[in-house]
Amino acid sequence: GDKDIQVQSLTGKLDHFIVEPFLPHEQSDEYYICIQSDRDGEEILFYSEGGVDVGDVDAKASRIHVTIDDDGLTTDRIKELL
């Protein structure tokens, strides 16, 4: 909604969420994935590094755009697009 939320010393609108269970692991085991909706479908961003220090993902990530009516997204097609 439009309600401001306070988390510790910051106040603002929550519009992005990270949902993951914590399991002890090495940072080298982390990956980044983002699914963003747009008017035509979904854009999926992949990057081989994750974690809080991932940096400028927009500049580094591989991207796939899947249109709304696309029902042929297979593992082989993803490999071709990446």
C-alpha atoms as a PDB file:
ATOM      1  CA  GLY A   1       0.000   0.000   0.000  1.00  0.00           C
ATOM      2  CA  ASP A   2       0.854   3.626   0.356  1.00  0.00           C
ATOM      3  CA  LYS A   3       1.706   3.412   4.047  1.00  0.00           C
ATOM      4  CA  ASP A   4       5.247   4.311   5.155  1.00  0.00           C
ATOM      5  CA  ILE A   5       6.974   1.589   7.167  1.00  0.00           C
ATOM      6  CA  GLN A   6       9.774   2.174   9.663  1.00  0.00           C
ATOM      7  CA  VAL A   7      12.599  -0.378   9.845  1.00  0.00           C
ATOM      8  CA  GLN A   8      15.164   0.612  12.450  1.00  0.00           C
ATOM      9  CA  SER A   9      16.106   4.219  11.556  1.00  0.00           C
ATOM     10  CA  LEU A  10      14.687   4.231   8.000  1.00  0.00           C
ATOM     11  CA  THR A  11      11.150   5.098   6.969  1.00  0.00           C
ATOM     12  CA  GLY A  12       9.654   4.591   3.518  1.00  0.00           C
ATOM     13  CA  LYS A  13       7.534   2.440   1.241  1.00  0.00           C
ATOM     14  CA  LEU A  14       8.382  -1.250   0.924  1.00  0.00           C
ATOM     15  CA  ASP A  15       8.267  -2.316  -2.715  1.00  0.00           C
ATOM     16  CA  HIS A  16      11.083  -4.896  -2.994  1.00  0.00           C
ATOM     17  CA  PHE A  17      11.417  -8.009  -0.879  1.00  0.00           C
ATOM     18  CA  ILE A  18      14.030 -10.722  -0.481  1.00  0.00           C
ATOM     19  CA  VAL A  19      12.561 -13.979   0.783  1.00  0.00           C
ATOM     20  CA  GLU A  20      14.999 -16.738   1.584  1.00  0.00           C
ATOM     21  CA  PRO A  21      15.722 -19.121   4.416  1.00  0.00           C
ATOM     22  CA  PHE A  22      19.170 -18.718   5.921  1.00  0.00           C
ATOM     23  CA  LEU A  23      21.541 -21.614   5.422  1.00  0.00           C
ATOM     24  CA  PRO A  24      25.248 -21.330   6.200  1.00  0.00           C
ATOM     25  CA  HIS A  25      27.138 -21.146   2.878  1.00  0.00           C
ATOM     26  CA  GLU A  26      30.069 -19.583   1.051  1.00  0.00           C
ATOM     27  CA  GLN A  27      29.547 -16.357  -0.895  1.00  0.00           C
ATOM     28  CA  SER A  28      30.800 -18.177  -3.995  1.00  0.00           C
ATOM     29  CA  ASP A  29      27.650 -20.334  -3.764  1.00  0.00           C
ATOM     30  CA  GLU A  30      25.346 -17.315  -4.215  1.00  0.00           C
ATOM     31  CA  TYR A  31      23.648 -16.244  -7.445  1.00  0.00           C
ATOM     32  CA  TYR A  32      21.444 -13.314  -8.394  1.00  0.00           C
ATOM     33  CA  ILE A  33      18.089 -13.593 -10.151  1.00  0.00           C
ATOM     34  CA  CYS A  34      15.464 -10.923 -10.641  1.00  0.00           C
ATOM     35  CA  ILE A  35      12.084 -11.163 -12.368  1.00  0.00           C
ATOM     36  CA  GLN A  36      10.613  -7.801 -13.378  1.00  0.00           C
ATOM     37  CA  SER A  37       7.191  -7.405 -14.938  1.00  0.00           C
ATOM     38  CA  ASP A  38       6.582  -4.959 -17.750  1.00  0.00           C
ATOM     39  CA  ARG A  39       3.744  -4.250 -20.148  1.00  0.00           C
ATOM     40  CA  ASP A  40       4.807  -7.003 -22.598  1.00  0.00           C
ATOM     41  CA  GLY A  41       5.842  -9.783 -20.221  1.00  0.00           C
ATOM     42  CA  GLU A  42       8.650 -10.542 -17.805  1.00  0.00           C
ATOM     43  CA  GLU A  43      12.351  -9.651 -17.866  1.00  0.00           C
ATOM     44  CA  ILE A  44      14.568 -12.148 -16.079  1.00  0.00           C
ATOM     45  CA  LEU A  45      18.061 -11.079 -14.980  1.00  0.00           C
ATOM     46  CA  PHE A  46      20.730 -13.658 -14.087  1.00  0.00           C
ATOM     47  CA  TYR A  47      24.176 -13.097 -12.598  1.00  0.00           C
ATOM     48  CA  SER A  48      26.738 -15.604 -11.350  1.00  0.00           C
ATOM     49  CA  GLU A  49      27.430 -13.651  -8.148  1.00  0.00           C
ATOM     50  CA  GLY A  50      24.977 -12.783  -5.397  1.00  0.00           C
ATOM     51  CA  GLY A  51      24.896 -11.467  -1.888  1.00  0.00           C
ATOM     52  CA  VAL A  52      24.719  -8.009  -0.418  1.00  0.00           C
ATOM     53  CA  ASP A  53      27.851  -6.858  -2.280  1.00  0.00           C
ATOM     54  CA  VAL A  54      26.714  -7.901  -5.765  1.00  0.00           C
ATOM     55  CA  GLY A  55      27.259  -4.391  -7.152  1.00  0.00           C
ATOM     56  CA  ASP A  56      25.776  -2.966 -10.364  1.00  0.00           C
ATOM     57  CA  VAL A  57      23.653  -5.886 -11.533  1.00  0.00           C
ATOM     58  CA  ASP A  58      22.031  -3.815 -14.314  1.00  0.00           C
ATOM     59  CA  ALA A  59      25.427  -3.508 -15.990  1.00  0.00           C
ATOM     60  CA  LYS A  60      26.546  -7.117 -15.368  1.00  0.00           C
ATOM     61  CA  ALA A  61      23.514  -9.396 -15.596  1.00  0.00           C
ATOM     62  CA  SER A  62      22.411 -11.503 -18.543  1.00  0.00           C
ATOM     63  CA  ARG A  63      18.802 -10.792 -19.494  1.00  0.00           C
ATOM     64  CA  ILE A  64      15.944 -12.695 -21.048  1.00  0.00           C
ATOM     65  CA  HIS A  65      12.623 -11.094 -21.939  1.00  0.00           C
ATOM     66  CA  VAL A  66       9.668 -13.482 -22.015  1.00  0.00           C
ATOM     67  CA  THR A  67       6.532 -12.153 -23.670  1.00  0.00           C
ATOM     68  CA  ILE A  68       3.145 -12.766 -22.101  1.00  0.00           C
ATOM     69  CA  ASP A  69       2.070 -15.229 -24.789  1.00  0.00           C
ATOM     70  CA  ASP A  70       5.375 -17.176 -24.872  1.00  0.00           C
ATOM     71  CA  ASP A  71       4.778 -20.798 -23.902  1.00  0.00           C
ATOM     72  CA  GLY A  72       8.002 -22.215 -25.353  1.00  0.00           C
ATOM     73  CA  LEU A  73      10.608 -21.250 -22.760  1.00  0.00           C
ATOM     74  CA  THR A  74      12.702 -24.395 -22.391  1.00  0.00           C
ATOM     75  CA  THR A  75      16.089 -25.028 -20.804  1.00  0.00           C
ATOM     76  CA  ASP A  76      17.678 -25.207 -24.273  1.00  0.00           C
ATOM     77  CA  ARG A  77      16.115 -21.892 -25.283  1.00  0.00           C
ATOM     78  CA  ILE A  78      17.345 -20.220 -22.079  1.00  0.00           C
ATOM     79  CA  LYS A  79      20.891 -21.450 -22.814  1.00  0.00           C
ATOM     80  CA  GLU A  80      20.657 -19.954 -26.323  1.00  0.00           C
ATOM     81  CA  LEU A  81      19.483 -16.593 -25.001  1.00  0.00           C
ATOM     82  CA  LEU A  82      22.178 -16.380 -22.347  1.00  0.00           C
END
